[in-house]
PDB file of all heavy atoms in Angstrom:
ATOM      1  N   GLU A   1     -31.835  25.921  25.384  1.00  0.00           N
ATOM      2  CA  GLU A   1     -31.442  24.508  25.444  1.00  0.00           C
ATOM      3  C   GLU A   1     -32.742  23.681  25.357  1.00  0.00           C
ATOM      4  O   GLU A   1     -33.696  23.924  26.102  1.00  0.00           O
ATOM      5  CB  GLU A   1     -30.702  24.234  26.742  1.00  0.00           C
ATOM      6  CG  GLU A   1     -30.033  22.867  26.813  1.00  0.00           C
ATOM      7  CD  GLU A   1     -30.993  21.785  27.288  1.00  0.00           C
ATOM      8  OE1 GLU A   1     -31.843  22.081  28.125  1.00  0.00           O
ATOM      9  OE2 GLU A   1     -30.873  20.638  26.796  1.00  0.00           O
ATOM     10  N   VAL A   2     -32.800  22.727  24.438  1.00  0.00           N
ATOM     11  CA  VAL A   2     -34.071  22.087  24.060  1.00  0.00           C
ATOM     12  C   VAL A   2     -34.730  21.388  25.228  1.00  0.00           C
ATOM     13  O   VAL A   2     -35.941  21.590  25.463  1.00  0.00           O
ATOM     14  CB  VAL A   2     -33.846  21.106  22.891  1.00  0.00           C
ATOM     15  CG1 VAL A   2     -35.147  20.334  22.599  1.00  0.00           C
ATOM     16  CG2 VAL A   2     -33.408  21.856  21.642  1.00  0.00           C
ATOM     17  N   GLU A   3     -34.033  20.542  25.950  1.00  0.00           N
ATOM     18  CA  GLU A   3     -34.681  19.742  27.006  1.00  0.00           C
ATOM     19  C   GLU A   3     -35.292  20.648  28.089  1.00  0.00           C
ATOM     20  O   GLU A   3     -36.416  20.406  28.548  1.00  0.00           O
ATOM     21  CB  GLU A   3     -33.682  18.754  27.626  1.00  0.00           C
ATOM     22  CG  GLU A   3     -33.462  17.499  26.817  1.00  0.00           C
ATOM     23  CD  GLU A   3     -32.675  17.743  25.534  1.00  0.00           C
ATOM     24  OE1 GLU A   3     -31.958  18.774  25.450  1.00  0.00           O
ATOM     25  OE2 GLU A   3     -32.761  16.912  24.614  1.00  0.00           O
ATOM     26  N   THR A   4     -34.553  21.691  28.493  1.00  0.00           N
ATOM     27  CA  THR A   4     -35.097  22.621  29.490  1.00  0.00           C
ATOM     28  C   THR A   4     -36.308  23.348  28.935  1.00  0.00           C
ATOM     29  O   THR A   4     -37.316  23.534  29.627  1.00  0.00           O
ATOM     30  CB  THR A   4     -34.017  23.624  29.912  1.00  0.00           C
ATOM     31  OG1 THR A   4     -32.899  22.915  30.425  1.00  0.00           O
ATOM     32  CG2 THR A   4     -34.544  24.586  30.960  1.00  0.00           C
ATOM     33  N   TRP A   5     -36.194  23.769  27.686  1.00  0.00           N
ATOM     34  CA  TRP A   5     -37.323  24.486  27.049  1.00  0.00           C
ATOM     35  C   TRP A   5     -38.548  23.598  26.989  1.00  0.00           C
ATOM     36  O   TRP A   5     -39.680  24.060  27.300  1.00  0.00           O
ATOM     37  CB  TRP A   5     -36.931  24.935  25.652  1.00  0.00           C
ATOM     38  CG  TRP A   5     -37.999  25.759  24.979  1.00  0.00           C
ATOM     39  CD1 TRP A   5     -38.115  27.103  25.002  1.00  0.00           C
ATOM     40  CD2 TRP A   5     -39.114  25.251  24.250  1.00  0.00           C
ATOM     41  NE1 TRP A   5     -39.255  27.497  24.313  1.00  0.00           N
ATOM     42  CE2 TRP A   5     -39.880  26.370  23.828  1.00  0.00           C
ATOM     43  CE3 TRP A   5     -39.542  23.984  23.889  1.00  0.00           C
ATOM     44  CZ2 TRP A   5     -41.048  26.234  23.092  1.00  0.00           C
ATOM     45  CZ3 TRP A   5     -40.722  23.846  23.153  1.00  0.00           C
ATOM     46  CH2 TRP A   5     -41.445  24.959  22.748  1.00  0.00           C
ATOM     47  N   VAL A   6     -38.385  22.319  26.652  1.00  0.00           N
ATOM     48  CA  VAL A   6     -39.546  21.422  26.556  1.00  0.00           C
ATOM     49  C   VAL A   6     -40.198  21.205  27.910  1.00  0.00           C
ATOM     50  O   VAL A   6     -41.440  21.182  28.007  1.00  0.00           O
ATOM     51  CB  VAL A   6     -39.110  20.072  25.929  1.00  0.00           C
ATOM     52  CG1 VAL A   6     -40.225  19.030  26.061  1.00  0.00           C
ATOM     53  CG2 VAL A   6     -38.754  20.251  24.463  1.00  0.00           C
ATOM     54  N   ARG A   7     -39.407  21.076  28.951  1.00  0.00           N
ATOM     55  CA  ARG A   7     -39.991  20.945  30.299  1.00  0.00           C
ATOM     56  C   ARG A   7     -40.836  22.175  30.636  1.00  0.00           C
ATOM     57  O   ARG A   7     -41.977  22.064  31.104  1.00  0.00           O
ATOM     58  CB  ARG A   7     -38.892  20.758  31.336  1.00  0.00           C
ATOM     59  CG  ARG A   7     -39.410  20.577  32.761  1.00  0.00           C
ATOM     60  CD  ARG A   7     -38.383  21.017  33.786  1.00  0.00           C
ATOM     61  NE  ARG A   7     -38.126  22.447  33.677  1.00  0.00           N
ATOM     62  CZ  ARG A   7     -37.113  23.074  34.251  1.00  0.00           C
ATOM     63  NH1 ARG A   7     -36.224  22.408  34.958  1.00  0.00           N
ATOM     64  NH2 ARG A   7     -36.974  24.388  34.119  1.00  0.00           N
ATOM     65  N   ASP A   8     -40.276  23.363  30.396  1.00  0.00           N
ATOM     66  CA  ASP A   8     -41.023  24.582  30.678  1.00  0.00           C
ATOM     67  C   ASP A   8     -42.274  24.668  29.811  1.00  0.00           C
ATOM     68  O   ASP A   8     -43.336  25.099  30.280  1.00  0.00           O
ATOM     69  CB  ASP A   8     -40.141  25.812  30.414  1.00  0.00           C
ATOM     70  CG  ASP A   8     -38.967  25.930  31.384  1.00  0.00           C
ATOM     71  OD1 ASP A   8     -39.008  25.254  32.440  1.00  0.00           O
ATOM     72  OD2 ASP A   8     -38.022  26.684  31.085  1.00  0.00           O
ATOM     73  N   TYR A   9     -42.146  24.255  28.553  1.00  0.00           N
ATOM     74  CA  TYR A   9     -43.291  24.259  27.648  1.00  0.00           C
ATOM     75  C   TYR A   9     -44.425  23.410  28.219  1.00  0.00           C
ATOM     76  O   TYR A   9     -45.589  23.824  28.223  1.00  0.00           O
ATOM     77  CB  TYR A   9     -42.873  23.730  26.277  1.00  0.00           C
ATOM     78  CG  TYR A   9     -44.033  23.371  25.370  1.00  0.00           C
ATOM     79  CD1 TYR A   9     -44.644  24.335  24.579  1.00  0.00           C
ATOM     80  CD2 TYR A   9     -44.531  22.066  25.320  1.00  0.00           C
ATOM     81  CE1 TYR A   9     -45.728  24.008  23.756  1.00  0.00           C
ATOM     82  CE2 TYR A   9     -45.596  21.736  24.505  1.00  0.00           C
ATOM     83  CZ  TYR A   9     -46.197  22.705  23.733  1.00  0.00           C
ATOM     84  OH  TYR A   9     -47.258  22.376  22.946  1.00  0.00           O
ATOM     85  N   ALA A  10     -44.109  22.201  28.667  1.00  0.00           N
ATOM     86  CA  ALA A  10     -45.139  21.300  29.199  1.00  0.00           C
ATOM     87  C   ALA A  10     -45.830  21.921  30.398  1.00  0.00           C
ATOM     88  O   ALA A  10     -47.070  21.862  30.526  1.00  0.00           O
ATOM     89  CB  ALA A  10     -44.532  19.952  29.535  1.00  0.00           C
ATOM     90  N   TRP A  11     -45.070  22.505  31.297  1.00  0.00           N
ATOM     91  CA  TRP A  11     -45.677  23.093  32.490  1.00  0.00           C
ATOM     92  C   TRP A  11     -46.538  24.307  32.133  1.00  0.00           C
ATOM     93  O   TRP A  11     -47.605  24.514  32.714  1.00  0.00           O
ATOM     94  CB  TRP A  11     -44.568  23.484  33.488  1.00  0.00           C
ATOM     95  CG  TRP A  11     -43.852  22.308  34.064  1.00  0.00           C
ATOM     96  CD1 TRP A  11     -44.031  20.993  33.756  1.00  0.00           C
ATOM     97  CD2 TRP A  11     -42.814  22.352  35.047  1.00  0.00           C
ATOM     98  NE1 TRP A  11     -43.164  20.211  34.491  1.00  0.00           N
ATOM     99  CE2 TRP A  11     -42.411  21.022  35.313  1.00  0.00           C
ATOM    100  CE3 TRP A  11     -42.203  23.382  35.754  1.00  0.00           C
ATOM    101  CZ2 TRP A  11     -41.408  20.700  36.225  1.00  0.00           C
ATOM    102  CZ3 TRP A  11     -41.203  23.072  36.665  1.00  0.00           C
ATOM    103  CH2 TRP A  11     -40.821  21.732  36.908  1.00  0.00           C
ATOM    104  N   GLN A  12     -46.055  25.095  31.170  1.00  0.00           N
ATOM    105  CA  GLN A  12     -46.870  26.233  30.730  1.00  0.00           C
ATOM    106  C   GLN A  12     -48.145  25.751  30.029  1.00  0.00           C
ATOM    107  O   GLN A  12     -49.237  26.294  30.270  1.00  0.00           O
ATOM    108  CB  GLN A  12     -46.064  27.100  29.754  1.00  0.00           C
ATOM    109  CG  GLN A  12     -44.863  27.808  30.355  1.00  0.00           C
ATOM    110  CD  GLN A  12     -43.866  28.233  29.308  1.00  0.00           C
ATOM    111  OE1 GLN A  12     -44.104  28.088  28.093  1.00  0.00           O
ATOM    112  NE2 GLN A  12     -42.734  28.768  29.721  1.00  0.00           N
ATOM    113  N   ARG A  13     -47.997  24.768  29.179  1.00  0.00           N
ATOM    114  CA  ARG A  13     -49.121  24.305  28.376  1.00  0.00           C
ATOM    115  C   ARG A  13     -50.239  23.762  29.254  1.00  0.00           C
ATOM    116  O   ARG A  13     -51.419  23.987  28.968  1.00  0.00           O
ATOM    117  CB  ARG A  13     -48.660  23.224  27.406  1.00  0.00           C
ATOM    118  CG  ARG A  13     -49.759  22.615  26.533  1.00  0.00           C
ATOM    119  CD  ARG A  13     -49.219  22.052  25.260  1.00  0.00           C
ATOM    120  NE  ARG A  13     -50.200  21.348  24.465  1.00  0.00           N
ATOM    121  CZ  ARG A  13     -51.152  21.930  23.741  1.00  0.00           C
ATOM    122  NH1 ARG A  13     -51.244  23.246  23.733  1.00  0.00           N
ATOM    123  NH2 ARG A  13     -52.007  21.219  23.044  1.00  0.00           N
ATOM    124  N   TYR A  14     -49.866  23.050  30.300  1.00  0.00           N
ATOM    125  CA  TYR A  14     -50.894  22.454  31.171  1.00  0.00           C
ATOM    126  C   TYR A  14     -51.176  23.307  32.407  1.00  0.00           C
ATOM    127  O   TYR A  14     -51.875  22.847  33.313  1.00  0.00           O
ATOM    128  CB  TYR A  14     -50.445  21.043  31.589  1.00  0.00           C
ATOM    129  CG  TYR A  14     -50.086  20.151  30.411  1.00  0.00           C
ATOM    130  CD1 TYR A  14     -48.993  19.297  30.464  1.00  0.00           C
ATOM    131  CD2 TYR A  14     -50.834  20.194  29.233  1.00  0.00           C
ATOM    132  CE1 TYR A  14     -48.641  18.503  29.378  1.00  0.00           C
ATOM    133  CE2 TYR A  14     -50.487  19.390  28.137  1.00  0.00           C
ATOM    134  CZ  TYR A  14     -49.390  18.557  28.227  1.00  0.00           C
ATOM    135  OH  TYR A  14     -49.049  17.763  27.147  1.00  0.00           O
ATOM    136  N   ASP A  15     -50.639  24.545  32.419  1.00  0.00           N
ATOM    137  CA  ASP A  15     -50.907  25.501  33.507  1.00  0.00           C
ATOM    138  C   ASP A  15     -50.584  24.878  34.853  1.00  0.00           C
ATOM    139  O   ASP A  15     -51.424  24.841  35.772  1.00  0.00           O
ATOM    140  CB  ASP A  15     -52.384  25.960  33.449  1.00  0.00           C
ATOM    141  CG  ASP A  15     -52.624  27.228  34.247  1.00  0.00           C
ATOM    142  OD1 ASP A  15     -51.651  27.851  34.702  1.00  0.00           O
ATOM    143  OD2 ASP A  15     -53.800  27.596  34.452  1.00  0.00           O
ATOM    144  N   LEU A  16     -49.350  24.406  34.997  1.00  0.00           N
ATOM    145  CA  LEU A  16     -48.939  23.648  36.193  1.00  0.00           C
ATOM    146  C   LEU A  16     -48.138  24.483  37.173  1.00  0.00           C
ATOM    147  O   LEU A  16     -47.520  23.912  38.092  1.00  0.00           O
ATOM    148  CB  LEU A  16     -48.120  22.423  35.761  1.00  0.00           C
ATOM    149  CG  LEU A  16     -48.824  21.422  34.860  1.00  0.00           C
ATOM    150  CD1 LEU A  16     -47.890  20.244  34.538  1.00  0.00           C
ATOM    151  CD2 LEU A  16     -50.098  20.891  35.485  1.00  0.00           C
ATOM    152  N   ALA A  17     -48.138  25.796  37.017  1.00  0.00           N
ATOM    153  CA  ALA A  17     -47.311  26.637  37.911  1.00  0.00           C
ATOM    154  C   ALA A  17     -47.612  26.355  39.366  1.00  0.00           C
ATOM    155  O   ALA A  17     -46.704  26.310  40.199  1.00  0.00           O
ATOM    156  CB  ALA A  17     -47.528  28.112  37.571  1.00  0.00           C
ATOM    157  N   ASP A  18     -48.890  26.174  39.703  1.00  0.00           N
ATOM    158  CA  ASP A  18     -49.291  25.944  41.090  1.00  0.00           C
ATOM    159  C   ASP A  18     -49.736  24.506  41.341  1.00  0.00           C
ATOM    160  O   ASP A  18     -50.369  24.216  42.364  1.00  0.00           O
ATOM    161  CB  ASP A  18     -50.414  26.894  41.479  1.00  0.00           C
ATOM    162  CG  ASP A  18     -49.983  28.369  41.360  1.00  0.00           C
ATOM    163  OD1 ASP A  18     -48.848  28.671  41.729  1.00  0.00           O
ATOM    164  OD2 ASP A  18     -50.802  29.183  40.878  1.00  0.00           O
ATOM    165  N   ALA A  19     -49.423  23.607  40.404  1.00  0.00           N
ATOM    166  CA  ALA A  19     -49.844  22.208  40.513  1.00  0.00           C
ATOM    167  C   ALA A  19     -48.903  21.463  41.466  1.00  0.00           C
ATOM    168  O   ALA A  19     -47.775  21.873  41.695  1.00  0.00           O
ATOM    169  CB  ALA A  19     -49.848  21.556  39.148  1.00  0.00           C
ATOM    170  N   PRO A  20     -49.354  20.338  42.015  1.00  0.00           N
ATOM    171  CA  PRO A  20     -48.481  19.540  42.901  1.00  0.00           C
ATOM    172  C   PRO A  20     -47.289  18.988  42.122  1.00  0.00           C
ATOM    173  O   PRO A  20     -47.360  18.784  40.900  1.00  0.00           O
ATOM    174  CB  PRO A  20     -49.390  18.418  43.398  1.00  0.00           C
ATOM    175  CG  PRO A  20     -50.523  18.368  42.431  1.00  0.00           C
ATOM    176  CD  PRO A  20     -50.709  19.763  41.918  1.00  0.00           C
ATOM    177  N   PRO A  21     -46.173  18.721  42.795  1.00  0.00           N
ATOM    178  CA  PRO A  21     -44.974  18.192  42.118  1.00  0.00           C
ATOM    179  C   PRO A  21     -45.251  16.931  41.315  1.00  0.00           C
ATOM    180  O   PRO A  21     -44.636  16.710  40.258  1.00  0.00           O
ATOM    181  CB  PRO A  21     -43.997  17.931  43.259  1.00  0.00           C
ATOM    182  CG  PRO A  21     -44.436  18.875  44.355  1.00  0.00           C
ATOM    183  CD  PRO A  21     -45.920  18.962  44.235  1.00  0.00           C
ATOM    184  N   SER A  22     -46.174  16.091  41.783  1.00  0.00           N
ATOM    185  CA  SER A  22     -46.453  14.847  41.062  1.00  0.00           C
ATOM    186  C   SER A  22     -47.022  15.120  39.677  1.00  0.00           C
ATOM    187  O   SER A  22     -46.729  14.397  38.723  1.00  0.00           O
ATOM    188  CB  SER A  22     -47.433  13.979  41.868  1.00  0.00           C
ATOM    189  OG  SER A  22     -48.591  14.714  42.194  1.00  0.00           O
ATOM    190  N   ALA A  23     -47.831  16.179  39.532  1.00  0.00           N
ATOM    191  CA  ALA A  23     -48.368  16.533  38.223  1.00  0.00           C
ATOM    192  C   ALA A  23     -47.264  17.035  37.310  1.00  0.00           C
ATOM    193  O   ALA A  23     -47.198  16.693  36.128  1.00  0.00           O
ATOM    194  CB  ALA A  23     -49.465  17.589  38.372  1.00  0.00           C
ATOM    195  N   LYS A  24     -46.375  17.881  37.855  1.00  0.00           N
ATOM    196  CA  LYS A  24     -45.257  18.363  37.048  1.00  0.00           C
ATOM    197  C   LYS A  24     -44.341  17.229  36.624  1.00  0.00           C
ATOM    198  O   LYS A  24     -43.853  17.176  35.471  1.00  0.00           O
ATOM    199  CB  LYS A  24     -44.479  19.413  37.837  1.00  0.00           C
ATOM    200  CG  LYS A  24     -45.243  20.708  38.121  1.00  0.00           C
ATOM    201  CD  LYS A  24     -44.395  21.674  38.921  1.00  0.00           C
ATOM    202  CE  LYS A  24     -45.150  22.975  39.163  1.00  0.00           C
ATOM    203  NZ  LYS A  24     -44.370  23.936  39.994  1.00  0.00           N
ATOM    204  N   ASP A  25     -44.087  16.294  37.552  1.00  0.00           N
ATOM    205  CA  ASP A  25     -43.236  15.166  37.224  1.00  0.00           C
ATOM    206  C   ASP A  25     -43.852  14.317  36.112  1.00  0.00           C
ATOM    207  O   ASP A  25     -43.140  13.870  35.189  1.00  0.00           O
ATOM    208  CB  ASP A  25     -43.000  14.295  38.455  1.00  0.00           C
ATOM    209  CG  ASP A  25     -42.103  14.962  39.483  1.00  0.00           C
ATOM    210  OD1 ASP A  25     -41.436  15.964  39.124  1.00  0.00           O
ATOM    211  OD2 ASP A  25     -42.079  14.510  40.644  1.00  0.00           O
ATOM    212  N   ALA A  26     -45.165  14.087  36.183  1.00  0.00           N
ATOM    213  CA  ALA A  26     -45.823  13.288  35.162  1.00  0.00           C
ATOM    214  C   ALA A  26     -45.748  13.979  33.792  1.00  0.00           C
ATOM    215  O   ALA A  26     -45.495  13.331  32.762  1.00  0.00           O
ATOM    216  CB  ALA A  26     -47.276  13.024  35.536  1.00  0.00           C
ATOM    217  N   ALA A  27     -45.955  15.303  33.774  1.00  0.00           N
ATOM    218  CA  ALA A  27     -45.872  16.052  32.510  1.00  0.00           C
ATOM    219  C   ALA A  27     -44.438  15.977  31.958  1.00  0.00           C
ATOM    220  O   ALA A  27     -44.249  15.791  30.758  1.00  0.00           O
ATOM    221  CB  ALA A  27     -46.282  17.494  32.733  1.00  0.00           C
ATOM    222  N   SER A  28     -43.453  16.099  32.840  1.00  0.00           N
ATOM    223  CA  SER A  28     -42.057  16.046  32.392  1.00  0.00           C
ATOM    224  C   SER A  28     -41.724  14.668  31.834  1.00  0.00           C
ATOM    225  O   SER A  28     -41.048  14.536  30.796  1.00  0.00           O
ATOM    226  CB  SER A  28     -41.105  16.387  33.540  1.00  0.00           C
ATOM    227  OG  SER A  28     -41.305  17.723  33.974  1.00  0.00           O
TER     228      SER A  28
END
């Protein structure tokens, strides 16, 4: 599903697995 895939892509691309929620929210 595109929107879910894009969110995961952004987090993977910026290596946000262990980043604070605010960083993940900004990327999303």
